[in-house]
PDB file of N, CA and C in Angstrom:
ATOM      1  N   LYS A   1      -7.914  21.695 -27.723  1.00  0.00           N
ATOM      2  CA  LYS A   1      -8.118  23.126 -27.636  1.00  0.00           C
ATOM      3  C   LYS A   1      -7.907  23.769 -29.006  1.00  0.00           C
ATOM      4  N   GLY A   2      -8.719  24.774 -29.308  1.00  0.00           N
ATOM      5  CA  GLY A   2      -8.550  25.526 -30.544  1.00  0.00           C
ATOM      6  C   GLY A   2      -7.566  26.654 -30.343  1.00  0.00           C
ATOM      7  N   VAL A   3      -6.982  27.096 -31.413  1.00  0.00           N
ATOM      8  CA  VAL A   3      -6.039  28.198 -31.355  1.00  0.00           C
ATOM      9  C   VAL A   3      -6.823  29.506 -31.459  1.00  0.00           C
ATOM     10  N   ILE A   4      -6.584  30.404 -30.522  1.00  0.00           N
ATOM     11  CA  ILE A   4      -7.246  31.701 -30.525  1.00  0.00           C
ATOM     12  C   ILE A   4      -6.300  32.708 -31.165  1.00  0.00           C
ATOM     13  N   SER A   5      -6.805  33.449 -32.146  1.00  0.00           N
ATOM     14  CA  SER A   5      -6.007  34.468 -32.814  1.00  0.00           C
ATOM     15  C   SER A   5      -6.140  35.778 -32.031  1.00  0.00           C
ATOM     16  N   LEU A   6      -5.049  36.175 -31.370  1.00  0.00           N
ATOM     17  CA  LEU A   6      -5.068  37.385 -30.542  1.00  0.00           C
ATOM     18  C   LEU A   6      -4.347  38.538 -31.216  1.00  0.00           C
ATOM     19  N   LYS A   7      -4.797  39.736 -30.882  1.00  0.00           N
ATOM     20  CA  LYS A   7      -4.168  40.972 -31.322  1.00  0.00           C
ATOM     21  C   LYS A   7      -3.847  41.800 -30.081  1.00  0.00           C
ATOM     22  N   LEU A   8      -2.787  42.573 -30.158  1.00  0.00           N
ATOM     23  CA  LEU A   8      -2.447  43.514 -29.095  1.00  0.00           C
ATOM     24  C   LEU A   8      -2.775  44.898 -29.616  1.00  0.00           C
ATOM     25  N   ILE A   9      -3.673  45.588 -28.925  1.00  0.00           N
ATOM     26  CA  ILE A   9      -4.011  46.959 -29.272  1.00  0.00           C
ATOM     27  C   ILE A   9      -3.230  47.880 -28.343  1.00  0.00           C
ATOM     28  N   VAL A  10      -2.457  48.783 -28.937  1.00  0.00           N
ATOM     29  CA  VAL A  10      -1.714  49.792 -28.197  1.00  0.00           C
ATOM     30  C   VAL A  10      -2.362  51.124 -28.560  1.00  0.00           C
ATOM     31  N   ALA A  11      -3.030  51.747 -27.584  1.00  0.00           N
ATOM     32  CA  ALA A  11      -3.759  52.994 -27.830  1.00  0.00           C
ATOM     33  C   ALA A  11      -3.157  54.113 -26.999  1.00  0.00           C
ATOM     34  N   ILE A  12      -2.681  55.161 -27.672  1.00  0.00           N
ATOM     35  CA  ILE A  12      -2.114  56.320 -27.000  1.00  0.00           C
ATOM     36  C   ILE A  12      -3.203  57.392 -26.974  1.00  0.00           C
ATOM     37  N   ILE A  13      -3.570  57.804 -25.753  1.00  0.00           N
ATOM     38  CA  ILE A  13      -4.749  58.640 -25.551  1.00  0.00           C
ATOM     39  C   ILE A  13      -4.380  59.856 -24.712  1.00  0.00           C
ATOM     40  N   ASN A  14      -5.005  60.980 -24.999  1.00  0.00           N
ATOM     41  CA  ASN A  14      -4.812  62.213 -24.224  1.00  0.00           C
ATOM     42  C   ASN A  14      -5.243  61.978 -22.779  1.00  0.00           C
ATOM     43  N   ASN A  15      -4.499  62.561 -21.830  1.00  0.00           N
ATOM     44  CA  ASN A  15      -4.829  62.428 -20.405  1.00  0.00           C
ATOM     45  C   ASN A  15      -6.284  62.764 -20.097  1.00  0.00           C
ATOM     46  N   ASP A  16      -6.804  63.806 -20.757  1.00  0.00           N
ATOM     47  CA  ASP A  16      -8.170  64.253 -20.486  1.00  0.00           C
ATOM     48  C   ASP A  16      -9.216  63.213 -20.870  1.00  0.00           C
ATOM     49  N   ASP A  17      -8.881  62.329 -21.803  1.00  0.00           N
ATOM     50  CA  ASP A  17      -9.825  61.322 -22.273  1.00  0.00           C
ATOM     51  C   ASP A  17      -9.616  59.950 -21.630  1.00  0.00           C
ATOM     52  N   ALA A  18      -8.509  59.783 -20.927  1.00  0.00           N
ATOM     53  CA  ALA A  18      -8.084  58.459 -20.479  1.00  0.00           C
ATOM     54  C   ALA A  18      -9.091  57.759 -19.573  1.00  0.00           C
ATOM     55  N   ASN A  19      -9.635  58.464 -18.586  1.00  0.00           N
ATOM     56  CA  ASN A  19     -10.583  57.811 -17.676  1.00  0.00           C
ATOM     57  C   ASN A  19     -11.843  57.354 -18.402  1.00  0.00           C
ATOM     58  N   ALA A  20     -12.361  58.187 -19.292  1.00  0.00           N
ATOM     59  CA  ALA A  20     -13.570  57.829 -20.036  1.00  0.00           C
ATOM     60  C   ALA A  20     -13.315  56.626 -20.937  1.00  0.00           C
ATOM     61  N   VAL A  21     -12.159  56.590 -21.603  1.00  0.00           N
ATOM     62  CA  VAL A  21     -11.828  55.447 -22.471  1.00  0.00           C
ATOM     63  C   VAL A  21     -11.680  54.188 -21.632  1.00  0.00           C
ATOM     64  N   MET A  22     -10.950  54.285 -20.529  1.00  0.00           N
ATOM     65  CA  MET A  22     -10.739  53.119 -19.662  1.00  0.00           C
ATOM     66  C   MET A  22     -12.070  52.593 -19.143  1.00  0.00           C
ATOM     67  N   ASN A  23     -12.955  53.491 -18.709  1.00  0.00           N
ATOM     68  CA  ASN A  23     -14.279  53.068 -18.243  1.00  0.00           C
ATOM     69  C   ASN A  23     -15.071  52.413 -19.360  1.00  0.00           C
ATOM     70  N   GLY A  24     -14.979  52.961 -20.566  1.00  0.00           N
ATOM     71  CA  GLY A  24     -15.710  52.404 -21.699  1.00  0.00           C
ATOM     72  C   GLY A  24     -15.274  51.001 -22.066  1.00  0.00           C
ATOM     73  N   VAL A  25     -13.956  50.761 -22.102  1.00  0.00           N
ATOM     74  CA  VAL A  25     -13.488  49.421 -22.479  1.00  0.00           C
ATOM     75  C   VAL A  25     -13.750  48.402 -21.374  1.00  0.00           C
ATOM     76  N   THR A  26     -13.617  48.801 -20.108  1.00  0.00           N
ATOM     77  CA  THR A  26     -13.875  47.843 -19.027  1.00  0.00           C
ATOM     78  C   THR A  26     -15.372  47.554 -18.901  1.00  0.00           C
ATOM     79  N   LYS A  27     -16.206  48.567 -19.123  1.00  0.00           N
ATOM     80  CA  LYS A  27     -17.657  48.361 -19.094  1.00  0.00           C
ATOM     81  C   LYS A  27     -18.089  47.374 -20.179  1.00  0.00           C
ATOM     82  N   ALA A  28     -17.368  47.376 -21.307  1.00  0.00           N
ATOM     83  CA  ALA A  28     -17.672  46.454 -22.406  1.00  0.00           C
ATOM     84  C   ALA A  28     -17.070  45.069 -22.167  1.00  0.00           C
ATOM     85  N   GLY A  29     -16.370  44.886 -21.040  1.00  0.00           N
ATOM     86  CA  GLY A  29     -15.857  43.574 -20.678  1.00  0.00           C
ATOM     87  C   GLY A  29     -14.415  43.302 -21.057  1.00  0.00           C
ATOM     88  N   TYR A  30     -13.681  44.321 -21.447  1.00  0.00           N
ATOM     89  CA  TYR A  30     -12.281  44.133 -21.832  1.00  0.00           C
ATOM     90  C   TYR A  30     -11.364  44.547 -20.693  1.00  0.00           C
ATOM     91  N   SER A  31     -10.230  43.867 -20.591  1.00  0.00           N
ATOM     92  CA  SER A  31      -9.199  44.232 -19.619  1.00  0.00           C
ATOM     93  C   SER A  31      -8.147  45.064 -20.322  1.00  0.00           C
ATOM     94  N   ALA A  32      -7.624  46.051 -19.619  1.00  0.00           N
ATOM     95  CA  ALA A  32      -6.595  46.905 -20.208  1.00  0.00           C
ATOM     96  C   ALA A  32      -5.539  47.207 -19.164  1.00  0.00           C
ATOM     97  N   THR A  33      -4.315  47.360 -19.620  1.00  0.00           N
ATOM     98  CA  THR A  33      -3.226  47.822 -18.768  1.00  0.00           C
ATOM     99  C   THR A  33      -2.976  49.268 -19.117  1.00  0.00           C
ATOM    100  N   ARG A  34      -2.942  50.125 -18.099  1.00  0.00           N
ATOM    101  CA  ARG A  34      -2.806  51.568 -18.294  1.00  0.00           C
ATOM    102  C   ARG A  34      -1.394  51.996 -17.909  1.00  0.00           C
ATOM    103  N   LEU A  35      -0.719  52.687 -18.824  1.00  0.00           N
ATOM    104  CA  LEU A  35       0.623  53.202 -18.591  1.00  0.00           C
ATOM    105  C   LEU A  35       0.607  54.716 -18.748  1.00  0.00           C
ATOM    106  N   SER A  36       1.217  55.441 -17.812  1.00  0.00           N
ATOM    107  CA  SER A  36       1.348  56.881 -17.960  1.00  0.00           C
ATOM    108  C   SER A  36       2.545  57.154 -18.851  1.00  0.00           C
ATOM    109  N   THR A  37       2.335  57.940 -19.910  1.00  0.00           N
ATOM    110  CA  THR A  37       3.396  58.232 -20.868  1.00  0.00           C
ATOM    111  C   THR A  37       3.389  59.728 -21.183  1.00  0.00           C
ATOM    112  N   THR A  38       4.406  60.174 -21.908  1.00  0.00           N
ATOM    113  CA  THR A  38       4.517  61.580 -22.272  1.00  0.00           C
ATOM    114  C   THR A  38       4.687  61.690 -23.776  1.00  0.00           C
ATOM    115  N   GLY A  39       3.920  62.606 -24.376  1.00  0.00           N
ATOM    116  CA  GLY A  39       3.995  62.818 -25.816  1.00  0.00           C
ATOM    117  C   GLY A  39       5.199  63.661 -26.194  1.00  0.00           C
ATOM    118  N   GLY A  40       5.567  63.610 -27.453  1.00  0.00           N
ATOM    119  CA  GLY A  40       6.750  64.306 -27.922  1.00  0.00           C
ATOM    120  C   GLY A  40       6.530  65.760 -28.276  1.00  0.00           C
ATOM    121  N   PHE A  41       5.466  66.094 -29.007  1.00  0.00           N
ATOM    122  CA  PHE A  41       5.310  67.446 -29.553  1.00  0.00           C
ATOM    123  C   PHE A  41       5.073  68.481 -28.471  1.00  0.00           C
ATOM    124  N   LEU A  42       4.038  68.320 -27.664  1.00  0.00           N
ATOM    125  CA  LEU A  42       3.726  69.302 -26.635  1.00  0.00           C
ATOM    126  C   LEU A  42       4.280  68.916 -25.264  1.00  0.00           C
ATOM    127  N   ARG A  43       4.973  67.777 -25.198  1.00  0.00           N
ATOM    128  CA  ARG A  43       5.460  67.248 -23.925  1.00  0.00           C
ATOM    129  C   ARG A  43       4.315  67.070 -22.942  1.00  0.00           C
ATOM    130  N   ALA A  44       3.145  66.807 -23.489  1.00  0.00           N
ATOM    131  CA  ALA A  44       1.950  66.679 -22.660  1.00  0.00           C
ATOM    132  C   ALA A  44       1.806  65.248 -22.173  1.00  0.00           C
ATOM    133  N   GLY A  45       1.210  65.109 -21.002  1.00  0.00           N
ATOM    134  CA  GLY A  45       0.957  63.781 -20.472  1.00  0.00           C
ATOM    135  C   GLY A  45      -0.118  63.080 -21.276  1.00  0.00           C
ATOM    136  N   ASN A  46       0.063  61.798 -21.466  1.00  0.00           N
ATOM    137  CA  ASN A  46      -0.969  60.987 -22.088  1.00  0.00           C
ATOM    138  C   ASN A  46      -0.958  59.615 -21.441  1.00  0.00           C
ATOM    139  N   VAL A  47      -1.818  58.778 -21.904  1.00  0.00           N
ATOM    140  CA  VAL A  47      -1.940  57.432 -21.361  1.00  0.00           C
ATOM    141  C   VAL A  47      -1.840  56.453 -22.512  1.00  0.00           C
ATOM    142  N   THR A  48      -1.102  55.377 -22.295  1.00  0.00           N
ATOM    143  CA  THR A  48      -1.037  54.304 -23.277  1.00  0.00           C
ATOM    144  C   THR A  48      -1.747  53.096 -22.685  1.00  0.00           C
ATOM    145  N   LEU A  49      -2.753  52.607 -23.417  1.00  0.00           N
ATOM    146  CA  LEU A  49      -3.480  51.415 -22.994  1.00  0.00           C
ATOM    147  C   LEU A  49      -3.011  50.223 -23.807  1.00  0.00           C
ATOM    148  N   LEU A  50      -2.828  49.102 -23.137  1.00  0.00           N
ATOM    149  CA  LEU A  50      -2.494  47.841 -23.789  1.00  0.00           C
ATOM    150  C   LEU A  50      -3.678  46.899 -23.591  1.00  0.00           C
ATOM    151  N   LEU A  51      -4.230  46.399 -24.699  1.00  0.00           N
ATOM    152  CA  LEU A  51      -5.374  45.491 -24.622  1.00  0.00           C
ATOM    153  C   LEU A  51      -5.117  44.275 -25.501  1.00  0.00           C
ATOM    154  N   GLY A  52      -5.207  43.099 -24.941  1.00  0.00           N
ATOM    155  CA  GLY A  52      -5.129  41.870 -25.715  1.00  0.00           C
ATOM    156  C   GLY A  52      -6.549  41.411 -26.014  1.00  0.00           C
ATOM    157  N   VAL A  53      -6.891  41.343 -27.304  1.00  0.00           N
ATOM    158  CA  VAL A  53      -8.263  40.973 -27.687  1.00  0.00           C
ATOM    159  C   VAL A  53      -8.228  39.959 -28.822  1.00  0.00           C
ATOM    160  N   GLU A  54      -9.319  39.223 -28.934  1.00  0.00           N
ATOM    161  CA  GLU A  54      -9.449  38.299 -30.057  1.00  0.00           C
ATOM    162  C   GLU A  54      -9.570  39.100 -31.348  1.00  0.00           C
ATOM    163  N   LYS A  55      -9.091  38.507 -32.429  1.00  0.00           N
ATOM    164  CA  LYS A  55      -9.036  39.186 -33.726  1.00  0.00           C
ATOM    165  C   LYS A  55     -10.387  39.775 -34.135  1.00  0.00           C
ATOM    166  N   ASN A  56     -11.460  39.043 -33.891  1.00  0.00           N
ATOM    167  CA  ASN A  56     -12.788  39.501 -34.319  1.00  0.00           C
ATOM    168  C   ASN A  56     -13.362  40.608 -33.424  1.00  0.00           C
ATOM    169  N   LYS A  57     -12.663  40.993 -32.352  1.00  0.00           N
ATOM    170  CA  LYS A  57     -13.127  42.047 -31.446  1.00  0.00           C
ATOM    171  C   LYS A  57     -12.378  43.360 -31.632  1.00  0.00           C
ATOM    172  N   VAL A  58     -11.388  43.399 -32.511  1.00  0.00           N
ATOM    173  CA  VAL A  58     -10.550  44.586 -32.691  1.00  0.00           C
ATOM    174  C   VAL A  58     -11.383  45.806 -33.084  1.00  0.00           C
ATOM    175  N   ASP A  59     -12.251  45.658 -34.073  1.00  0.00           N
ATOM    176  CA  ASP A  59     -13.054  46.800 -34.528  1.00  0.00           C
ATOM    177  C   ASP A  59     -13.937  47.343 -33.414  1.00  0.00           C
ATOM    178  N   GLU A  60     -14.505  46.457 -32.606  1.00  0.00           N
ATOM    179  CA  GLU A  60     -15.357  46.893 -31.494  1.00  0.00           C
ATOM    180  C   GLU A  60     -14.562  47.737 -30.499  1.00  0.00           C
ATOM    181  N   VAL A  61     -13.364  47.288 -30.156  1.00  0.00           N
ATOM    182  CA  VAL A  61     -12.534  48.022 -29.201  1.00  0.00           C
ATOM    183  C   VAL A  61     -12.106  49.369 -29.787  1.00  0.00           C
ATOM    184  N   ILE A  62     -11.737  49.402 -31.056  1.00  0.00           N
ATOM    185  CA  ILE A  62     -11.356  50.655 -31.701  1.00  0.00           C
ATOM    186  C   ILE A  62     -12.536  51.628 -31.698  1.00  0.00           C
ATOM    187  N   ASN A  63     -13.734  51.136 -31.945  1.00  0.00           N
ATOM    188  CA  ASN A  63     -14.917  52.000 -31.911  1.00  0.00           C
ATOM    189  C   ASN A  63     -15.162  52.572 -30.516  1.00  0.00           C
ATOM    190  N   ILE A  64     -14.960  51.761 -29.486  1.00  0.00           N
ATOM    191  CA  ILE A  64     -15.130  52.240 -28.105  1.00  0.00           C
ATOM    192  C   ILE A  64     -14.102  53.328 -27.807  1.00  0.00           C
ATOM    193  N   ILE A  65     -12.856  53.101 -28.189  1.00  0.00           N
ATOM    194  CA  ILE A  65     -11.806  54.101 -27.961  1.00  0.00           C
ATOM    195  C   ILE A  65     -12.169  55.399 -28.679  1.00  0.00           C
ATOM    196  N   GLY A  66     -12.626  55.295 -29.919  1.00  0.00           N
ATOM    197  CA  GLY A  66     -12.996  56.475 -30.689  1.00  0.00           C
ATOM    198  C   GLY A  66     -14.180  57.225 -30.113  1.00  0.00           C
ATOM    199  N   GLU A  67     -15.091  56.491 -29.496  1.00  0.00           N
ATOM    200  CA  GLU A  67     -16.278  57.119 -28.896  1.00  0.00           C
ATOM    201  C   GLU A  67     -15.905  58.040 -27.735  1.00  0.00           C
ATOM    202  N   TYR A  68     -14.865  57.670 -27.001  1.00  0.00           N
ATOM    203  CA  TYR A  68     -14.509  58.411 -25.795  1.00  0.00           C
ATOM    204  C   TYR A  68     -13.257  59.277 -25.933  1.00  0.00           C
ATOM    205  N   SER A  69     -12.654  59.338 -27.100  1.00  0.00           N
ATOM    206  CA  SER A  69     -11.454  60.165 -27.287  1.00  0.00           C
ATOM    207  C   SER A  69     -11.602  60.989 -28.554  1.00  0.00           C
ATOM    208  N   LYS A  70     -12.120  62.176 -28.391  1.00  0.00           N
ATOM    209  CA  LYS A  70     -12.388  63.063 -29.522  1.00  0.00           C
ATOM    210  C   LYS A  70     -11.304  64.130 -29.653  1.00  0.00           C
ATOM    211  N   GLN A  71     -10.982  64.473 -30.895  1.00  0.00           N
ATOM    212  CA  GLN A  71     -10.042  65.555 -31.129  1.00  0.00           C
ATOM    213  C   GLN A  71     -10.730  66.886 -30.870  1.00  0.00           C
ATOM    214  N   ARG A  72      -9.959  67.856 -30.366  1.00  0.00           N
ATOM    215  CA  ARG A  72     -10.482  69.192 -30.115  1.00  0.00           C
ATOM    216  C   ARG A  72      -9.342  70.195 -30.229  1.00  0.00           C
ATOM    217  N   LYS A  73      -9.701  71.450 -30.387  1.00  0.00           N
ATOM    218  CA  LYS A  73      -8.708  72.526 -30.502  1.00  0.00           C
ATOM    219  C   LYS A  73      -8.398  73.076 -29.115  1.00  0.00           C
ATOM    220  N   GLN A  74      -7.135  73.456 -28.913  1.00  0.00           N
ATOM    221  CA  GLN A  74      -6.716  74.010 -27.628  1.00  0.00           C
ATOM    222  C   GLN A  74      -5.683  75.101 -27.905  1.00  0.00           C
ATOM    223  N   ILE A  75      -5.772  76.178 -27.164  1.00  0.00           N
ATOM    224  CA  ILE A  75      -4.783  77.257 -27.278  1.00  0.00           C
ATOM    225  C   ILE A  75      -3.661  76.966 -26.285  1.00  0.00           C
ATOM    226  N   THR A  76      -2.431  76.989 -26.767  1.00  0.00           N
ATOM    227  CA  THR A  76      -1.292  76.714 -25.899  1.00  0.00           C
ATOM    228  C   THR A  76      -0.184  77.730 -26.187  1.00  0.00           C
ATOM    229  N   PRO A  77       0.537  78.192 -25.166  1.00  0.00           N
ATOM    230  CA  PRO A  77       1.625  79.153 -25.409  1.00  0.00           C
ATOM    231  C   PRO A  77       2.847  78.465 -26.006  1.00  0.00           C
ATOM    232  N   VAL A  78       3.560  79.205 -26.823  1.00  0.00           N
ATOM    233  CA  VAL A  78       4.822  78.722 -27.374  1.00  0.00           C
ATOM    234  C   VAL A  78       5.930  79.343 -26.538  1.00  0.00           C
ATOM    235  N   ASN A  79       6.939  78.573 -26.209  1.00  0.00           N
ATOM    236  CA  ASN A  79       8.043  79.088 -25.386  1.00  0.00           C
ATOM    237  C   ASN A  79       8.744  80.255 -26.069  1.00  0.00           C
ATOM    238  N   THR A  80       9.245  81.187 -25.255  1.00  0.00           N
ATOM    239  CA  THR A  80      10.007  82.317 -25.767  1.00  0.00           C
ATOM    240  C   THR A  80      11.309  81.813 -26.382  1.00  0.00           C
ATOM    241  N   THR A  81      11.652  82.362 -27.552  1.00  0.00           N
ATOM    242  CA  THR A  81      12.839  81.908 -28.265  1.00  0.00           C
ATOM    243  C   THR A  81      13.801  83.072 -28.476  1.00  0.00           C
ATOM    244  N   TYR A  82      15.075  82.817 -28.298  1.00  0.00           N
ATOM    245  CA  TYR A  82      16.100  83.829 -28.556  1.00  0.00           C
ATOM    246  C   TYR A  82      16.755  83.537 -29.891  1.00  0.00           C
ATOM    247  N   ILE A  83      16.827  84.571 -30.734  1.00  0.00           N
ATOM    248  CA  ILE A  83      17.520  84.446 -32.014  1.00  0.00           C
ATOM    249  C   ILE A  83      18.572  85.549 -32.033  1.00  0.00           C
ATOM    250  N   GLY A  84      19.816  85.166 -31.922  1.00  0.00           N
ATOM    251  CA  GLY A  84      20.885  86.164 -31.824  1.00  0.00           C
ATOM    252  C   GLY A  84      20.671  86.999 -30.585  1.00  0.00           C
ATOM    253  N   GLU A  85      20.576  88.313 -30.757  1.00  0.00           N
ATOM    254  CA  GLU A  85      20.337  89.200 -29.625  1.00  0.00           C
ATOM    255  C   GLU A  85      18.851  89.529 -29.480  1.00  0.00           C
ATOM    256  N   SER A  86      18.024  89.033 -30.392  1.00  0.00           N
ATOM    257  CA  SER A  86      16.590  89.336 -30.369  1.00  0.00           C
ATOM    258  C   SER A  86      15.827  88.263 -29.619  1.00  0.00           C
ATOM    259  N   MET A  87      14.749  88.688 -29.011  1.00  0.00           N
ATOM    260  CA  MET A  87      13.889  87.737 -28.318  1.00  0.00           C
ATOM    261  C   MET A  87      12.522  87.761 -28.982  1.00  0.00           C
ATOM    262  N   LEU A  88      12.038  86.605 -29.360  1.00  0.00           N
ATOM    263  CA  LEU A  88      10.692  86.500 -29.901  1.00  0.00           C
ATOM    264  C   LEU A  88       9.745  86.235 -28.744  1.00  0.00           C
ATOM    265  N   SER A  89       8.754  87.083 -28.585  1.00  0.00           N
ATOM    266  CA  SER A  89       7.817  86.878 -27.478  1.00  0.00           C
ATOM    267  C   SER A  89       6.955  85.655 -27.763  1.00  0.00           C
ATOM    268  N   SER A  90       6.502  85.038 -26.703  1.00  0.00           N
ATOM    269  CA  SER A  90       5.690  83.838 -26.888  1.00  0.00           C
ATOM    270  C   SER A  90       4.301  84.235 -27.372  1.00  0.00           C
ATOM    271  N   MET A  91       3.845  83.508 -28.347  1.00  0.00           N
ATOM    272  CA  MET A  91       2.521  83.732 -28.921  1.00  0.00           C
ATOM    273  C   MET A  91       1.712  82.458 -28.724  1.00  0.00           C
ATOM    274  N   PRO A  92       0.480  82.595 -28.276  1.00  0.00           N
ATOM    275  CA  PRO A  92      -0.342  81.395 -28.164  1.00  0.00           C
ATOM    276  C   PRO A  92      -0.696  80.870 -29.555  1.00  0.00           C
ATOM    277  N   VAL A  93      -0.701  79.572 -29.690  1.00  0.00           N
ATOM    278  CA  VAL A  93      -1.074  78.947 -30.959  1.00  0.00           C
ATOM    279  C   VAL A  93      -2.181  77.932 -30.700  1.00  0.00           C
ATOM    280  N   GLU A  94      -2.978  77.697 -31.723  1.00  0.00           N
ATOM    281  CA  GLU A  94      -4.051  76.711 -31.617  1.00  0.00           C
ATOM    282  C   GLU A  94      -3.538  75.370 -32.117  1.00  0.00           C
ATOM    283  N   VAL A  95      -3.688  74.340 -31.303  1.00  0.00           N
ATOM    284  CA  VAL A  95      -3.247  72.992 -31.673  1.00  0.00           C
ATOM    285  C   VAL A  95      -4.411  72.030 -31.490  1.00  0.00           C
ATOM    286  N   THR A  96      -4.345  70.917 -32.196  1.00  0.00           N
ATOM    287  CA  THR A  96      -5.346  69.871 -32.048  1.00  0.00           C
ATOM    288  C   THR A  96      -4.852  68.878 -31.010  1.00  0.00           C
ATOM    289  N   VAL A  97      -5.679  68.596 -30.010  1.00  0.00           N
ATOM    290  CA  VAL A  97      -5.346  67.613 -28.977  1.00  0.00           C
ATOM    291  C   VAL A  97      -6.462  66.581 -28.915  1.00  0.00           C
ATOM    292  N   GLY A  98      -6.230  65.544 -28.165  1.00  0.00           N
ATOM    293  CA  GLY A  98      -7.251  64.508 -28.016  1.00  0.00           C
ATOM    294  C   GLY A  98      -7.151  63.492 -29.135  1.00  0.00           C
ATOM    295  N   GLY A  99      -8.198  62.731 -29.265  1.00  0.00           N
ATOM    296  CA  GLY A  99      -8.151  61.643 -30.236  1.00  0.00           C
ATOM    297  C   GLY A  99      -7.287  60.521 -29.704  1.00  0.00           C
ATOM    298  N   ALA A 100      -6.960  59.601 -30.548  1.00  0.00           N
ATOM    299  CA  ALA A 100      -6.136  58.471 -30.133  1.00  0.00           C
ATOM    300  C   ALA A 100      -5.270  58.023 -31.293  1.00  0.00           C
ATOM    301  N   THR A 101      -4.098  57.530 -30.965  1.00  0.00           N
ATOM    302  CA  THR A 101      -3.234  56.868 -31.938  1.00  0.00           C
ATOM    303  C   THR A 101      -3.256  55.401 -31.559  1.00  0.00           C
ATOM    304  N   ILE A 102      -3.646  54.554 -32.505  1.00  0.00           N
ATOM    305  CA  ILE A 102      -3.868  53.138 -32.196  1.00  0.00           C
ATOM    306  C   ILE A 102      -3.013  52.258 -33.104  1.00  0.00           C
ATOM    307  N   PHE A 103      -2.323  51.315 -32.491  1.00  0.00           N
ATOM    308  CA  PHE A 103      -1.559  50.306 -33.216  1.00  0.00           C
ATOM    309  C   PHE A 103      -2.186  48.949 -32.913  1.00  0.00           C
ATOM    310  N   VAL A 104      -2.315  48.108 -33.930  1.00  0.00           N
ATOM    311  CA  VAL A 104      -2.825  46.750 -33.742  1.00  0.00           C
ATOM    312  C   VAL A 104      -1.733  45.795 -34.196  1.00  0.00           C
ATOM    313  N   LEU A 105      -1.281  44.948 -33.264  1.00  0.00           N
ATOM    314  CA  LEU A 105      -0.159  44.052 -33.524  1.00  0.00           C
ATOM    315  C   LEU A 105      -0.592  42.595 -33.391  1.00  0.00           C
ATOM    316  N   ASP A 106       0.016  41.746 -34.196  1.00  0.00           N
ATOM    317  CA  ASP A 106      -0.217  40.306 -34.062  1.00  0.00           C
ATOM    318  C   ASP A 106       0.458  39.797 -32.796  1.00  0.00           C
ATOM    319  N   VAL A 107      -0.182  38.850 -32.133  1.00  0.00           N
ATOM    320  CA  VAL A 107       0.388  38.223 -30.950  1.00  0.00           C
ATOM    321  C   VAL A 107       0.746  36.789 -31.325  1.00  0.00           C
ATOM    322  N   GLU A 108       2.043  36.479 -31.282  1.00  0.00           N
ATOM    323  CA  GLU A 108       2.478  35.134 -31.637  1.00  0.00           C
ATOM    324  C   GLU A 108       2.187  34.137 -30.523  1.00  0.00           C
ATOM    325  N   GLN A 109       2.423  34.559 -29.295  1.00  0.00           N
ATOM    326  CA  GLN A 109       2.190  33.681 -28.159  1.00  0.00           C
ATOM    327  C   GLN A 109       1.629  34.507 -27.015  1.00  0.00           C
ATOM    328  N   PHE A 110       0.827  33.839 -26.174  1.00  0.00           N
ATOM    329  CA  PHE A 110       0.210  34.507 -25.036  1.00  0.00           C
ATOM    330  C   PHE A 110       0.243  33.548 -23.856  1.00  0.00           C
ATOM    331  N   TYR A 111       0.734  34.021 -22.723  1.00  0.00           N
ATOM    332  CA  TYR A 111       0.798  33.213 -21.514  1.00  0.00           C
ATOM    333  C   TYR A 111       0.190  34.005 -20.365  1.00  0.00           C
ATOM    334  N   LYS A 112      -0.565  33.336 -19.542  1.00  0.00           N
ATOM    335  CA  LYS A 112      -1.066  33.946 -18.312  1.00  0.00           C
ATOM    336  C   LYS A 112      -0.687  32.993 -17.198  1.00  0.00           C
ATOM    337  N   ILE A 113       0.354  33.370 -16.418  1.00  0.00           N
ATOM    338  CA  ILE A 113       0.862  32.455 -15.389  1.00  0.00           C
ATOM    339  C   ILE A 113       0.674  33.035 -14.007  1.00  0.00           C
TER     340      ILE A 113
END
């Protein structure tokens, strides 16, 4: 048997894009594990996908993820803040959401039992 060089792709994706990304990678023949996670900045729900792929397929998978997870602007309220005895009213701010954060890791060993 030959040694297969595997990579683990960890892709953190906005909830709104998750179904389209998952459909895109499975349609292309890849298996993914989907985890519901929460982001830090906006405390917004997102999805983390775990995909084990051969080294020469990494770029293809990243392109598929990018095709279905686009960045966009969104207006979101900022929580009311108290400073001393003063209250700052909440003001909506424009933030960028969507897109994906992708990590590619080497896999030393892989077992399917």
